[in-house]
PDB file of all heavy atoms in Angstrom:
ATOM      1  N   CYS A   1       0.814  -1.200  -0.001  1.00  0.00           N
ATOM      2  CA  CYS A   1       0.007  -0.022   0.004  1.00  0.00           C
ATOM      3  C   CYS A   1       0.860   1.261   0.025  1.00  0.00           C
ATOM      4  O   CYS A   1       0.641   2.193  -0.769  1.00  0.00           O
ATOM      5  CB  CYS A   1      -0.921  -0.006   1.228  1.00  0.00           C
ATOM      6  SG  CYS A   1      -1.984   1.406   1.393  1.00  0.00           S
ATOM      7  N   ARG A   2       1.873   1.267   0.855  1.00  0.00           N
ATOM      8  CA  ARG A   2       2.734   2.498   0.943  1.00  0.00           C
ATOM      9  C   ARG A   2       3.419   2.792  -0.373  1.00  0.00           C
ATOM     10  O   ARG A   2       3.350   3.931  -0.863  1.00  0.00           O
ATOM     11  CB  ARG A   2       3.788   2.235   2.023  1.00  0.00           C
ATOM     12  CG  ARG A   2       4.723   3.421   2.272  1.00  0.00           C
ATOM     13  CD  ARG A   2       5.813   3.119   3.268  1.00  0.00           C
ATOM     14  NE  ARG A   2       6.736   2.090   2.769  1.00  0.00           N
ATOM     15  CZ  ARG A   2       6.899   0.892   3.332  1.00  0.00           C
ATOM     16  NH1 ARG A   2       6.229   0.565   4.389  1.00  0.00           N
ATOM     17  NH2 ARG A   2       7.738   0.022   2.792  1.00  0.00           N
ATOM     18  N   GLU A   3       4.034   1.836  -0.970  1.00  0.00           N
ATOM     19  CA  GLU A   3       4.766   2.037  -2.232  1.00  0.00           C
ATOM     20  C   GLU A   3       3.808   2.033  -3.433  1.00  0.00           C
ATOM     21  O   GLU A   3       3.967   2.810  -4.364  1.00  0.00           O
ATOM     22  CB  GLU A   3       5.822   0.937  -2.420  1.00  0.00           C
ATOM     23  CG  GLU A   3       6.867   0.881  -1.319  1.00  0.00           C
ATOM     24  CD  GLU A   3       7.630   2.169  -1.179  1.00  0.00           C
ATOM     25  OE1 GLU A   3       7.964   2.783  -2.179  1.00  0.00           O
ATOM     26  OE2 GLU A   3       7.859   2.595  -0.020  1.00  0.00           O
ATOM     27  N   GLY A   4       2.801   1.138  -3.375  1.00  0.00           N
ATOM     28  CA  GLY A   4       1.907   0.964  -4.523  1.00  0.00           C
ATOM     29  C   GLY A   4       1.086   2.261  -4.771  1.00  0.00           C
ATOM     30  O   GLY A   4       0.942   2.715  -5.913  1.00  0.00           O
ATOM     31  N   THR A   5       0.512   2.844  -3.676  1.00  0.00           N
ATOM     32  CA  THR A   5      -0.291   4.061  -3.905  1.00  0.00           C
ATOM     33  C   THR A   5       0.605   5.222  -4.354  1.00  0.00           C
ATOM     34  O   THR A   5       0.171   6.052  -5.141  1.00  0.00           O
ATOM     35  CB  THR A   5      -1.065   4.440  -2.586  1.00  0.00           C
ATOM     36  OG1 THR A   5      -0.139   4.537  -1.515  1.00  0.00           O
ATOM     37  CG2 THR A   5      -2.112   3.422  -2.271  1.00  0.00           C
ATOM     38  N   PHE A   6       1.838   5.260  -3.896  1.00  0.00           N
ATOM     39  CA  PHE A   6       2.793   6.272  -4.352  1.00  0.00           C
ATOM     40  C   PHE A   6       2.984   6.159  -5.868  1.00  0.00           C
ATOM     41  O   PHE A   6       2.929   7.189  -6.588  1.00  0.00           O
ATOM     42  CB  PHE A   6       4.128   6.116  -3.625  1.00  0.00           C
ATOM     43  CG  PHE A   6       5.225   7.013  -4.158  1.00  0.00           C
ATOM     44  CD1 PHE A   6       5.332   8.313  -3.826  1.00  0.00           C
ATOM     45  CD2 PHE A   6       6.138   6.472  -5.065  1.00  0.00           C
ATOM     46  CE1 PHE A   6       6.310   9.162  -4.319  1.00  0.00           C
ATOM     47  CE2 PHE A   6       7.190   7.290  -5.583  1.00  0.00           C
ATOM     48  CZ  PHE A   6       7.281   8.630  -5.160  1.00  0.00           C
ATOM     49  N   TRP A   7       3.194   4.957  -6.379  1.00  0.00           N
ATOM     50  CA  TRP A   7       3.459   4.799  -7.827  1.00  0.00           C
ATOM     51  C   TRP A   7       2.168   4.998  -8.614  1.00  0.00           C
ATOM     52  O   TRP A   7       2.211   5.535  -9.750  1.00  0.00           O
ATOM     53  CB  TRP A   7       4.102   3.443  -8.113  1.00  0.00           C
ATOM     54  CG  TRP A   7       5.530   3.457  -7.709  1.00  0.00           C
ATOM     55  CD1 TRP A   7       6.088   2.779  -6.641  1.00  0.00           C
ATOM     56  CD2 TRP A   7       6.591   4.228  -8.279  1.00  0.00           C
ATOM     57  NE1 TRP A   7       7.435   3.071  -6.552  1.00  0.00           N
ATOM     58  CE2 TRP A   7       7.774   3.908  -7.548  1.00  0.00           C
ATOM     59  CE3 TRP A   7       6.672   5.107  -9.362  1.00  0.00           C
ATOM     60  CZ2 TRP A   7       8.984   4.548  -7.817  1.00  0.00           C
ATOM     61  CZ3 TRP A   7       7.860   5.682  -9.640  1.00  0.00           C
ATOM     62  CH2 TRP A   7       9.012   5.404  -8.910  1.00  0.00           C
ATOM     63  N   LEU A   8       1.026   4.570  -8.092  1.00  0.00           N
ATOM     64  CA  LEU A   8      -0.212   4.844  -8.771  1.00  0.00           C
ATOM     65  C   LEU A   8      -0.413   6.344  -8.957  1.00  0.00           C
ATOM     66  O   LEU A   8      -0.854   6.831 -10.010  1.00  0.00           O
ATOM     67  CB  LEU A   8      -1.397   4.257  -7.976  1.00  0.00           C
ATOM     68  CG  LEU A   8      -1.566   2.754  -7.969  1.00  0.00           C
ATOM     69  CD1 LEU A   8      -2.771   2.366  -7.097  1.00  0.00           C
ATOM     70  CD2 LEU A   8      -1.742   2.172  -9.375  1.00  0.00           C
ATOM     71  N   LYS A   9      -0.071   7.066  -7.911  1.00  0.00           N
ATOM     72  CA  LYS A   9      -0.215   8.546  -7.972  1.00  0.00           C
ATOM     73  C   LYS A   9       0.686   9.145  -9.082  1.00  0.00           C
ATOM     74  O   LYS A   9       0.234  10.003  -9.826  1.00  0.00           O
ATOM     75  CB  LYS A   9       0.107   9.146  -6.625  1.00  0.00           C
ATOM     76  CG  LYS A   9       0.002  10.668  -6.586  1.00  0.00           C
ATOM     77  CD  LYS A   9       0.308  11.247  -5.218  1.00  0.00           C
ATOM     78  CE  LYS A   9       0.287  12.772  -5.232  1.00  0.00           C
ATOM     79  NZ  LYS A   9       0.517  13.351  -3.916  1.00  0.00           N
ATOM     80  N   GLN A  10       1.898   8.669  -9.140  1.00  0.00           N
ATOM     81  CA  GLN A  10       2.840   9.239 -10.170  1.00  0.00           C
ATOM     82  C   GLN A  10       2.274   8.976 -11.583  1.00  0.00           C
ATOM     83  O   GLN A  10       2.264   9.896 -12.447  1.00  0.00           O
ATOM     84  CB  GLN A  10       4.228   8.530 -10.110  1.00  0.00           C
ATOM     85  CG  GLN A  10       4.859   8.549  -8.698  1.00  0.00           C
ATOM     86  CD  GLN A  10       4.942   9.903  -8.082  1.00  0.00           C
ATOM     87  OE1 GLN A  10       5.463  10.817  -8.646  1.00  0.00           O
ATOM     88  NE2 GLN A  10       4.387  10.005  -6.860  1.00  0.00           N
ATOM     89  N   ILE A  11       1.823   7.761 -11.838  1.00  0.00           N
ATOM     90  CA  ILE A  11       1.357   7.412 -13.160  1.00  0.00           C
ATOM     91  C   ILE A  11       0.036   8.119 -13.498  1.00  0.00           C
ATOM     92  O   ILE A  11      -0.124   8.685 -14.597  1.00  0.00           O
ATOM     93  CB  ILE A  11       1.171   5.895 -13.289  1.00  0.00           C
ATOM     94  CG1 ILE A  11       2.546   5.201 -13.123  1.00  0.00           C
ATOM     95  CG2 ILE A  11       0.556   5.541 -14.662  1.00  0.00           C
ATOM     96  CD1 ILE A  11       2.451   3.674 -13.059  1.00  0.00           C
ATOM     97  N   MET A  12      -0.889   8.171 -12.545  1.00  0.00           N
ATOM     98  CA  MET A  12      -2.160   8.866 -12.815  1.00  0.00           C
ATOM     99  C   MET A  12      -1.924  10.346 -13.074  1.00  0.00           C
ATOM    100  O   MET A  12      -2.610  10.928 -13.920  1.00  0.00           O
ATOM    101  CB  MET A  12      -3.091   8.686 -11.610  1.00  0.00           C
ATOM    102  CG  MET A  12      -3.699   7.274 -11.423  1.00  0.00           C
ATOM    103  SD  MET A  12      -4.611   6.668 -12.835  1.00  0.00           S
ATOM    104  CE  MET A  12      -5.867   7.919 -13.045  1.00  0.00           C
ATOM    105  N   THR A  13      -1.013  10.953 -12.397  1.00  0.00           N
ATOM    106  CA  THR A  13      -0.730  12.384 -12.599  1.00  0.00           C
ATOM    107  C   THR A  13      -0.178  12.588 -14.018  1.00  0.00           C
ATOM    108  O   THR A  13      -0.551  13.553 -14.712  1.00  0.00           O
ATOM    109  CB  THR A  13       0.279  12.903 -11.561  1.00  0.00           C
ATOM    110  OG1 THR A  13      -0.257  12.704 -10.233  1.00  0.00           O
ATOM    111  CG2 THR A  13       0.583  14.368 -11.756  1.00  0.00           C
ATOM    112  N   ARG A  14       0.716  11.658 -14.462  1.00  0.00           N
ATOM    113  CA  ARG A  14       1.221  11.743 -15.841  1.00  0.00           C
ATOM    114  C   ARG A  14       0.091  11.672 -16.860  1.00  0.00           C
ATOM    115  O   ARG A  14       0.023  12.450 -17.755  1.00  0.00           O
ATOM    116  CB  ARG A  14       2.241  10.657 -16.098  1.00  0.00           C
ATOM    117  CG  ARG A  14       3.599  10.853 -15.499  1.00  0.00           C
ATOM    118  CD  ARG A  14       4.681  10.089 -16.294  1.00  0.00           C
ATOM    119  NE  ARG A  14       4.488   8.654 -16.284  1.00  0.00           N
ATOM    120  CZ  ARG A  14       5.027   7.801 -15.409  1.00  0.00           C
ATOM    121  NH1 ARG A  14       5.776   8.260 -14.431  1.00  0.00           N
ATOM    122  NH2 ARG A  14       4.838   6.510 -15.513  1.00  0.00           N
ATOM    123  N   LEU A  15      -0.772  10.674 -16.629  1.00  0.00           N
ATOM    124  CA  LEU A  15      -1.841  10.467 -17.600  1.00  0.00           C
ATOM    125  C   LEU A  15      -2.817  11.636 -17.681  1.00  0.00           C
ATOM    126  O   LEU A  15      -3.314  11.971 -18.746  1.00  0.00           O
ATOM    127  CB  LEU A  15      -2.553   9.151 -17.289  1.00  0.00           C
ATOM    128  CG  LEU A  15      -1.795   7.870 -17.563  1.00  0.00           C
ATOM    129  CD1 LEU A  15      -2.499   6.684 -16.940  1.00  0.00           C
ATOM    130  CD2 LEU A  15      -1.615   7.663 -19.066  1.00  0.00           C
ATOM    131  N   GLU A  16      -3.140  12.211 -16.542  1.00  0.00           N
ATOM    132  CA  GLU A  16      -4.140  13.300 -16.568  1.00  0.00           C
ATOM    133  C   GLU A  16      -3.538  14.542 -17.212  1.00  0.00           C
ATOM    134  O   GLU A  16      -4.263  15.395 -17.715  1.00  0.00           O
ATOM    135  CB  GLU A  16      -4.692  13.613 -15.179  1.00  0.00           C
ATOM    136  CG  GLU A  16      -3.771  14.255 -14.232  1.00  0.00           C
ATOM    137  CD  GLU A  16      -4.469  14.754 -12.955  1.00  0.00           C
ATOM    138  OE1 GLU A  16      -5.452  15.526 -13.066  1.00  0.00           O
ATOM    139  OE2 GLU A  16      -4.062  14.327 -11.839  1.00  0.00           O
ATOM    140  N   HIS A  17      -2.209  14.676 -17.189  1.00  0.00           N
ATOM    141  CA  HIS A  17      -1.574  15.830 -17.795  1.00  0.00           C
ATOM    142  C   HIS A  17      -1.107  15.542 -19.237  1.00  0.00           C
ATOM    143  O   HIS A  17      -0.344  16.365 -19.800  1.00  0.00           O
ATOM    144  CB  HIS A  17      -0.389  16.327 -16.963  1.00  0.00           C
ATOM    145  CG  HIS A  17      -0.846  17.002 -15.693  1.00  0.00           C
ATOM    146  ND1 HIS A  17      -1.142  16.298 -14.524  1.00  0.00           N
ATOM    147  CD2 HIS A  17      -1.031  18.299 -15.438  1.00  0.00           C
ATOM    148  CE1 HIS A  17      -1.528  17.169 -13.593  1.00  0.00           C
ATOM    149  NE2 HIS A  17      -1.449  18.380 -14.117  1.00  0.00           N
ATOM    150  N   GLY A  18      -1.506  14.392 -19.813  1.00  0.00           N
ATOM    151  CA  GLY A  18      -1.153  14.098 -21.190  1.00  0.00           C
ATOM    152  C   GLY A  18       0.299  13.792 -21.381  1.00  0.00           C
ATOM    153  O   GLY A  18       0.824  13.925 -22.497  1.00  0.00           O
ATOM    154  N   GLN A  19       0.949  13.270 -20.333  1.00  0.00           N
ATOM    155  CA  GLN A  19       2.400  12.988 -20.385  1.00  0.00           C
ATOM    156  C   GLN A  19       2.657  11.497 -20.176  1.00  0.00           C
ATOM    157  O   GLN A  19       3.758  11.118 -19.820  1.00  0.00           O
ATOM    158  CB  GLN A  19       3.128  13.825 -19.373  1.00  0.00           C
ATOM    159  CG  GLN A  19       2.990  15.320 -19.572  1.00  0.00           C
ATOM    160  CD  GLN A  19       3.389  16.116 -18.377  1.00  0.00           C
ATOM    161  OE1 GLN A  19       3.700  15.596 -17.308  1.00  0.00           O
ATOM    162  NE2 GLN A  19       3.335  17.454 -18.527  1.00  0.00           N
ATOM    163  N   GLY A  20       1.650  10.658 -20.399  1.00  0.00           N
ATOM    164  CA  GLY A  20       1.795   9.238 -20.160  1.00  0.00           C
ATOM    165  C   GLY A  20       2.681   8.553 -21.176  1.00  0.00           C
ATOM    166  O   GLY A  20       2.980   9.080 -22.258  1.00  0.00           O
ATOM    167  N   THR A  21       3.138   7.362 -20.858  1.00  0.00           N
ATOM    168  CA  THR A  21       3.976   6.560 -21.772  1.00  0.00           C
ATOM    169  C   THR A  21       3.151   5.359 -22.235  1.00  0.00           C
ATOM    170  O   THR A  21       2.096   5.028 -21.697  1.00  0.00           O
ATOM    171  CB  THR A  21       5.253   6.115 -21.071  1.00  0.00           C
ATOM    172  OG1 THR A  21       4.923   5.149 -20.049  1.00  0.00           O
ATOM    173  CG2 THR A  21       6.019   7.250 -20.466  1.00  0.00           C
ATOM    174  N   GLN A  22       3.710   4.637 -23.201  1.00  0.00           N
ATOM    175  CA  GLN A  22       3.030   3.486 -23.830  1.00  0.00           C
ATOM    176  C   GLN A  22       2.742   2.413 -22.778  1.00  0.00           C
ATOM    177  O   GLN A  22       1.740   1.691 -22.835  1.00  0.00           O
ATOM    178  CB  GLN A  22       3.898   2.937 -24.949  1.00  0.00           C
ATOM    179  CG  GLN A  22       3.162   1.963 -25.855  1.00  0.00           C
ATOM    180  CD  GLN A  22       2.073   2.610 -26.633  1.00  0.00           C
ATOM    181  OE1 GLN A  22       2.204   3.750 -27.108  1.00  0.00           O
ATOM    182  NE2 GLN A  22       0.920   1.934 -26.777  1.00  0.00           N
ATOM    183  N   ASP A  23       3.624   2.259 -21.766  1.00  0.00           N
ATOM    184  CA  ASP A  23       3.483   1.175 -20.830  1.00  0.00           C
ATOM    185  C   ASP A  23       2.659   1.521 -19.612  1.00  0.00           C
ATOM    186  O   ASP A  23       2.422   0.683 -18.740  1.00  0.00           O
ATOM    187  CB  ASP A  23       4.876   0.709 -20.368  1.00  0.00           C
ATOM    188  CG  ASP A  23       5.748   0.205 -21.516  1.00  0.00           C
ATOM    189  OD1 ASP A  23       5.152  -0.374 -22.437  1.00  0.00           O
ATOM    190  OD2 ASP A  23       6.973   0.420 -21.469  1.00  0.00           O
ATOM    191  N   ASP A  24       2.190   2.793 -19.490  1.00  0.00           N
ATOM    192  CA  ASP A  24       1.631   3.234 -18.243  1.00  0.00           C
ATOM    193  C   ASP A  24       0.349   2.484 -17.875  1.00  0.00           C
ATOM    194  O   ASP A  24       0.127   2.186 -16.687  1.00  0.00           O
ATOM    195  CB  ASP A  24       1.380   4.757 -18.285  1.00  0.00           C
ATOM    196  CG  ASP A  24       2.535   5.558 -17.881  1.00  0.00           C
ATOM    197  OD1 ASP A  24       3.529   4.964 -17.326  1.00  0.00           O
ATOM    198  OD2 ASP A  24       2.579   6.796 -18.048  1.00  0.00           O
ATOM    199  N   ILE A  25      -0.505   2.203 -18.808  1.00  0.00           N
ATOM    200  CA  ILE A  25      -1.809   1.619 -18.491  1.00  0.00           C
ATOM    201  C   ILE A  25      -1.593   0.187 -17.923  1.00  0.00           C
ATOM    202  O   ILE A  25      -2.149  -0.188 -16.891  1.00  0.00           O
ATOM    203  CB  ILE A  25      -2.750   1.604 -19.678  1.00  0.00           C
ATOM    204  CG1 ILE A  25      -3.003   3.081 -20.113  1.00  0.00           C
ATOM    205  CG2 ILE A  25      -4.069   0.922 -19.326  1.00  0.00           C
ATOM    206  CD1 ILE A  25      -3.756   3.197 -21.399  1.00  0.00           C
ATOM    207  N   ASP A  26      -0.760  -0.581 -18.638  1.00  0.00           N
ATOM    208  CA  ASP A  26      -0.437  -1.914 -18.212  1.00  0.00           C
ATOM    209  C   ASP A  26       0.238  -1.915 -16.844  1.00  0.00           C
ATOM    210  O   ASP A  26       0.036  -2.775 -16.010  1.00  0.00           O
ATOM    211  CB  ASP A  26       0.388  -2.656 -19.210  1.00  0.00           C
ATOM    212  CG  ASP A  26      -0.386  -3.006 -20.512  1.00  0.00           C
ATOM    213  OD1 ASP A  26      -1.610  -3.067 -20.405  1.00  0.00           O
ATOM    214  OD2 ASP A  26       0.237  -3.166 -21.570  1.00  0.00           O
ATOM    215  N   LYS A  27       1.066  -0.887 -16.670  1.00  0.00           N
ATOM    216  CA  LYS A  27       1.778  -0.751 -15.383  1.00  0.00           C
ATOM    217  C   LYS A  27       0.820  -0.451 -14.216  1.00  0.00           C
ATOM    218  O   LYS A  27       0.930  -0.979 -13.135  1.00  0.00           O
ATOM    219  CB  LYS A  27       2.857   0.348 -15.493  1.00  0.00           C
ATOM    220  CG  LYS A  27       3.902   0.315 -14.371  1.00  0.00           C
ATOM    221  CD  LYS A  27       4.985   1.338 -14.611  1.00  0.00           C
ATOM    222  CE  LYS A  27       5.789   1.079 -15.881  1.00  0.00           C
ATOM    223  NZ  LYS A  27       6.789   2.154 -16.094  1.00  0.00           N
ATOM    224  N   LEU A  28      -0.178   0.387 -14.534  1.00  0.00           N
ATOM    225  CA  LEU A  28      -1.224   0.701 -13.508  1.00  0.00           C
ATOM    226  C   LEU A  28      -1.886  -0.600 -13.059  1.00  0.00           C
ATOM    227  O   LEU A  28      -2.027  -0.834 -11.840  1.00  0.00           O
ATOM    228  CB  LEU A  28      -2.298   1.599 -14.099  1.00  0.00           C
ATOM    229  CG  LEU A  28      -2.096   3.119 -14.057  1.00  0.00           C
ATOM    230  CD1 LEU A  28      -3.289   3.777 -14.748  1.00  0.00           C
ATOM    231  CD2 LEU A  28      -2.005   3.630 -12.651  1.00  0.00           C
TER     232      LEU A  28
END
């Protein structure tokens, strides 16, 4: 939970700002 929610937050922030990468969705 501690690490997982941190990384979910990083990826979600990238995606909402249009800065996501090809692997982000599968990584989520």
